[in-house]
């Protein structure tokens, strides 16, 4: 399930740099209608997600939309695949995956999602989307902590 061009830059770029890249991309847009459209466009770039992973085991609770998050890898390099039934949430997932996927469990656990503040998402997401994003990040870090504790 790893065929996304944006994901490839995580291999050599730190999470902090990816977050700065995201901030730079969003700074290009003049208003939030353009930014929402960009999020929708990003969501369309998510890799295909097999239906068999759309299970309760992988579902992120706390989201108004349906969201599934599937981890793979080990403490040295964790990969995440995700999908949502919402176009904007899919774009948010794409941003989360760019920052956190294909990183060590230690880097995942140490990385705060600063891009949420830096691009203004905290002020422009509905409370239910904000809660869903927080739930997704918590689940992702829960997976990373579990893998880190196995090592």
C-alpha atoms as a PDB file:
ATOM      1  CA  UNK A   1       0.000   0.000   0.000  1.00  0.00           C
ATOM      2  CA  UNK A   2       3.026   2.314  -0.187  1.00  0.00           C
ATOM      3  CA  UNK A   3       2.881   4.201  -3.444  1.00  0.00           C
ATOM      4  CA  UNK A   4       2.432   7.849  -2.531  1.00  0.00           C
ATOM      5  CA  UNK A   5       4.920  10.435  -3.763  1.00  0.00           C
ATOM      6  CA  UNK A   6       4.576  12.683  -0.685  1.00  0.00           C
ATOM      7  CA  UNK A   7       5.446   9.781   1.572  1.00  0.00           C
ATOM      8  CA  UNK A   8       8.826   9.213  -0.037  1.00  0.00           C
ATOM      9  CA  UNK A   9      10.235  12.451   1.346  1.00  0.00           C
ATOM     10  CA  UNK A  10       9.830  11.188   4.923  1.00  0.00           C
ATOM     11  CA  UNK A  11      12.673   8.720   4.488  1.00  0.00           C
ATOM     12  CA  UNK A  12      15.336  11.433   4.386  1.00  0.00           C
ATOM     13  CA  UNK A  13      13.502  14.432   5.830  1.00  0.00           C
ATOM     14  CA  UNK A  14      12.845  14.952   9.528  1.00  0.00           C
ATOM     15  CA  UNK A  15       9.310  15.245  10.849  1.00  0.00           C
ATOM     16  CA  UNK A  16      10.094  18.848  11.806  1.00  0.00           C
ATOM     17  CA  UNK A  17      11.108  19.670   8.228  1.00  0.00           C
ATOM     18  CA  UNK A  18       7.990  18.010   6.819  1.00  0.00           C
ATOM     19  CA  UNK A  19       5.872  20.113   9.188  1.00  0.00           C
ATOM     20  CA  UNK A  20       7.657  23.241   7.943  1.00  0.00           C
ATOM     21  CA  UNK A  21       7.051  22.140   4.344  1.00  0.00           C
ATOM     22  CA  UNK A  22       3.339  21.767   5.131  1.00  0.00           C
ATOM     23  CA  UNK A  23       3.265  25.263   6.677  1.00  0.00           C
ATOM     24  CA  UNK A  24       4.968  26.657   3.569  1.00  0.00           C
ATOM     25  CA  UNK A  25       2.439  24.931   1.281  1.00  0.00           C
ATOM     26  CA  UNK A  26      -0.525  26.328   3.212  1.00  0.00           C
ATOM     27  CA  UNK A  27       0.991  29.832   3.319  1.00  0.00           C
ATOM     28  CA  UNK A  28       0.693  29.874  -0.470  1.00  0.00           C
ATOM     29  CA  UNK A  29      -3.122  29.952  -0.284  1.00  0.00           C
ATOM     30  CA  UNK A  30      -4.958  33.203   0.273  1.00  0.00           C
ATOM     31  CA  UNK A  31      -8.011  32.021   2.171  1.00  0.00           C
ATOM     32  CA  UNK A  32      -9.530  29.013   3.858  1.00  0.00           C
ATOM     33  CA  UNK A  33     -11.757  28.040   0.949  1.00  0.00           C
ATOM     34  CA  UNK A  34      -8.550  27.457  -1.058  1.00  0.00           C
ATOM     35  CA  UNK A  35      -6.972  25.596   1.867  1.00  0.00           C
ATOM     36  CA  UNK A  36     -10.005  23.332   2.244  1.00  0.00           C
ATOM     37  CA  UNK A  37      -9.856  22.587  -1.477  1.00  0.00           C
ATOM     38  CA  UNK A  38      -6.161  21.740  -1.081  1.00  0.00           C
ATOM     39  CA  UNK A  39      -7.036  19.364   1.784  1.00  0.00           C
ATOM     40  CA  UNK A  40      -9.622  17.677  -0.441  1.00  0.00           C
ATOM     41  CA  UNK A  41      -7.039  17.375  -3.233  1.00  0.00           C
ATOM     42  CA  UNK A  42      -4.517  15.889  -0.772  1.00  0.00           C
ATOM     43  CA  UNK A  43      -7.092  13.367   0.380  1.00  0.00           C
ATOM     44  CA  UNK A  44      -7.493  12.135  -3.178  1.00  0.00           C
ATOM     45  CA  UNK A  45      -3.774  11.272  -3.140  1.00  0.00           C
ATOM     46  CA  UNK A  46      -4.091   8.717  -0.342  1.00  0.00           C
ATOM     47  CA  UNK A  47      -2.982   5.291  -1.546  1.00  0.00           C
ATOM     48  CA  UNK A  48      -5.698   2.704  -2.199  1.00  0.00           C
ATOM     49  CA  UNK A  49      -6.932   1.167   1.058  1.00  0.00           C
ATOM     50  CA  UNK A  50      -8.004  -2.499   0.986  1.00  0.00           C
ATOM     51  CA  UNK A  51     -11.540  -3.119   2.238  1.00  0.00           C
ATOM     52  CA  UNK A  52     -10.339  -5.926   4.525  1.00  0.00           C
ATOM     53  CA  UNK A  53      -8.603  -3.312   6.706  1.00  0.00           C
ATOM     54  CA  UNK A  54     -11.860  -1.427   7.214  1.00  0.00           C
ATOM     55  CA  UNK A  55     -12.546  -3.300  10.437  1.00  0.00           C
ATOM     56  CA  UNK A  56     -13.351  -2.332  14.012  1.00  0.00           C
ATOM     57  CA  UNK A  57      -9.792  -3.336  14.934  1.00  0.00           C
ATOM     58  CA  UNK A  58      -8.404  -0.512  12.788  1.00  0.00           C
ATOM     59  CA  UNK A  59     -11.187   2.021  13.228  1.00  0.00           C
ATOM     60  CA  UNK A  60     -10.310   5.252  15.016  1.00  0.00           C
ATOM     61  CA  UNK A  61     -12.974   5.955  17.608  1.00  0.00           C
ATOM     62  CA  UNK A  62     -13.832   9.541  18.451  1.00  0.00           C
ATOM     63  CA  UNK A  63     -14.200  10.630  14.845  1.00  0.00           C
ATOM     64  CA  UNK A  64     -17.544  11.714  13.431  1.00  0.00           C
ATOM     65  CA  UNK A  65     -16.389  10.413  10.047  1.00  0.00           C
ATOM     66  CA  UNK A  66     -15.309   6.839   9.544  1.00  0.00           C
ATOM     67  CA  UNK A  67     -11.514   6.664   9.866  1.00  0.00           C
ATOM     68  CA  UNK A  68      -9.283   3.610   9.736  1.00  0.00           C
ATOM     69  CA  UNK A  69      -5.571   3.558  10.610  1.00  0.00           C
ATOM     70  CA  UNK A  70      -3.359   0.524   9.979  1.00  0.00           C
ATOM     71  CA  UNK A  71       0.192   0.310  11.357  1.00  0.00           C
ATOM     72  CA  UNK A  72       2.989  -1.865  10.020  1.00  0.00           C
ATOM     73  CA  UNK A  73       6.740  -2.150  10.506  1.00  0.00           C
ATOM     74  CA  UNK A  74       8.787  -2.134  13.680  1.00  0.00           C
ATOM     75  CA  UNK A  75      10.301   0.311  16.169  1.00  0.00           C
ATOM     76  CA  UNK A  76      12.956   1.366  13.649  1.00  0.00           C
ATOM     77  CA  UNK A  77      10.450   2.250  10.928  1.00  0.00           C
ATOM     78  CA  UNK A  78       6.705   2.355  11.358  1.00  0.00           C
ATOM     79  CA  UNK A  79       4.441   2.795   8.370  1.00  0.00           C
ATOM     80  CA  UNK A  80       0.805   3.861   8.533  1.00  0.00           C
ATOM     81  CA  UNK A  81      -1.998   3.579   6.028  1.00  0.00           C
ATOM     82  CA  UNK A  82      -5.246   5.432   6.593  1.00  0.00           C
ATOM     83  CA  UNK A  83      -8.535   6.270   4.942  1.00  0.00           C
ATOM     84  CA  UNK A  84     -11.718   8.169   5.721  1.00  0.00           C
ATOM     85  CA  UNK A  85     -15.148   8.457   4.168  1.00  0.00           C
ATOM     86  CA  UNK A  86     -14.822  12.269   4.365  1.00  0.00           C
ATOM     87  CA  UNK A  87     -12.923  14.261   1.740  1.00  0.00           C
ATOM     88  CA  UNK A  88     -11.548  16.875   4.156  1.00  0.00           C
ATOM     89  CA  UNK A  89     -10.665  14.274   6.786  1.00  0.00           C
ATOM     90  CA  UNK A  90      -8.825  12.305   4.090  1.00  0.00           C
ATOM     91  CA  UNK A  91      -6.729  15.408   3.453  1.00  0.00           C
ATOM     92  CA  UNK A  92      -6.012  15.747   7.163  1.00  0.00           C
ATOM     93  CA  UNK A  93      -4.946  12.097   7.204  1.00  0.00           C
ATOM     94  CA  UNK A  94      -2.581  12.757   4.326  1.00  0.00           C
ATOM     95  CA  UNK A  95      -0.907  15.515   6.363  1.00  0.00           C
ATOM     96  CA  UNK A  96      -0.665  13.241   9.406  1.00  0.00           C
ATOM     97  CA  UNK A  97       0.876  10.453   7.322  1.00  0.00           C
ATOM     98  CA  UNK A  98       3.407  12.828   5.782  1.00  0.00           C
ATOM     99  CA  UNK A  99       4.582  13.840   9.249  1.00  0.00           C
ATOM    100  CA  UNK A 100       4.447  10.481  11.042  1.00  0.00           C
ATOM    101  CA  UNK A 101       4.624   7.559   8.604  1.00  0.00           C
ATOM    102  CA  UNK A 102       7.913   5.813   7.819  1.00  0.00           C
ATOM    103  CA  UNK A 103       9.598   7.029  11.007  1.00  0.00           C
ATOM    104  CA  UNK A 104      10.960   5.352  14.097  1.00  0.00           C
ATOM    105  CA  UNK A 105       8.621   4.824  17.026  1.00  0.00           C
ATOM    106  CA  UNK A 106      10.863   7.130  19.077  1.00  0.00           C
ATOM    107  CA  UNK A 107      10.566   9.970  16.544  1.00  0.00           C
ATOM    108  CA  UNK A 108       6.804   9.467  16.309  1.00  0.00           C
ATOM    109  CA  UNK A 109       6.438   9.673  20.082  1.00  0.00           C
ATOM    110  CA  UNK A 110       8.705  12.737  20.296  1.00  0.00           C
ATOM    111  CA  UNK A 111       6.991  14.664  17.478  1.00  0.00           C
ATOM    112  CA  UNK A 112       4.226  17.066  18.409  1.00  0.00           C
ATOM    113  CA  UNK A 113       1.798  17.967  15.595  1.00  0.00           C
ATOM    114  CA  UNK A 114       2.916  21.599  15.349  1.00  0.00           C
ATOM    115  CA  UNK A 115       1.557  21.915  11.814  1.00  0.00           C
ATOM    116  CA  UNK A 116      -1.984  22.012  13.243  1.00  0.00           C
ATOM    117  CA  UNK A 117      -1.262  25.385  14.843  1.00  0.00           C
ATOM    118  CA  UNK A 118       1.152  26.696  12.217  1.00  0.00           C
ATOM    119  CA  UNK A 119      -1.332  26.378   9.341  1.00  0.00           C
ATOM    120  CA  UNK A 120      -4.306  27.535  11.398  1.00  0.00           C
ATOM    121  CA  UNK A 121      -6.167  24.240  11.482  1.00  0.00           C
ATOM    122  CA  UNK A 122      -6.933  24.592  15.181  1.00  0.00           C
ATOM    123  CA  UNK A 123      -8.977  27.728  14.442  1.00  0.00           C
ATOM    124  CA  UNK A 124     -10.682  26.504  11.283  1.00  0.00           C
ATOM    125  CA  UNK A 125     -11.748  22.935  12.011  1.00  0.00           C
ATOM    126  CA  UNK A 126     -15.118  22.156  13.513  1.00  0.00           C
ATOM    127  CA  UNK A 127     -14.993  20.745  17.060  1.00  0.00           C
ATOM    128  CA  UNK A 128     -15.909  17.278  15.766  1.00  0.00           C
ATOM    129  CA  UNK A 129     -13.104  17.332  13.179  1.00  0.00           C
ATOM    130  CA  UNK A 130     -10.650  18.621  15.802  1.00  0.00           C
ATOM    131  CA  UNK A 131     -11.653  15.775  18.122  1.00  0.00           C
ATOM    132  CA  UNK A 132     -11.283  13.280  15.297  1.00  0.00           C
ATOM    133  CA  UNK A 133      -7.837  14.586  14.410  1.00  0.00           C
ATOM    134  CA  UNK A 134      -6.802  14.373  18.073  1.00  0.00           C
ATOM    135  CA  UNK A 135      -8.157  10.802  18.257  1.00  0.00           C
ATOM    136  CA  UNK A 136      -6.228   9.826  15.131  1.00  0.00           C
ATOM    137  CA  UNK A 137      -2.987  11.272  16.497  1.00  0.00           C
ATOM    138  CA  UNK A 138      -3.552   9.561  19.860  1.00  0.00           C
ATOM    139  CA  UNK A 139      -4.154   6.193  18.145  1.00  0.00           C
ATOM    140  CA  UNK A 140      -1.053   6.621  15.998  1.00  0.00           C
ATOM    141  CA  UNK A 141       1.071   7.367  19.079  1.00  0.00           C
ATOM    142  CA  UNK A 142      -0.562   4.459  20.923  1.00  0.00           C
ATOM    143  CA  UNK A 143       0.588   2.126  18.127  1.00  0.00           C
ATOM    144  CA  UNK A 144       4.097   3.635  18.263  1.00  0.00           C
ATOM    145  CA  UNK A 145       4.284   3.258  22.054  1.00  0.00           C
ATOM    146  CA  UNK A 146       3.194  -0.385  21.835  1.00  0.00           C
ATOM    147  CA  UNK A 147       5.886  -1.153  19.252  1.00  0.00           C
ATOM    148  CA  UNK A 148       8.544   0.775  21.200  1.00  0.00           C
ATOM    149  CA  UNK A 149       7.703  -1.195  24.354  1.00  0.00           C
ATOM    150  CA  UNK A 150       8.120  -4.504  22.509  1.00  0.00           C
ATOM    151  CA  UNK A 151      11.731  -3.741  21.626  1.00  0.00           C
END
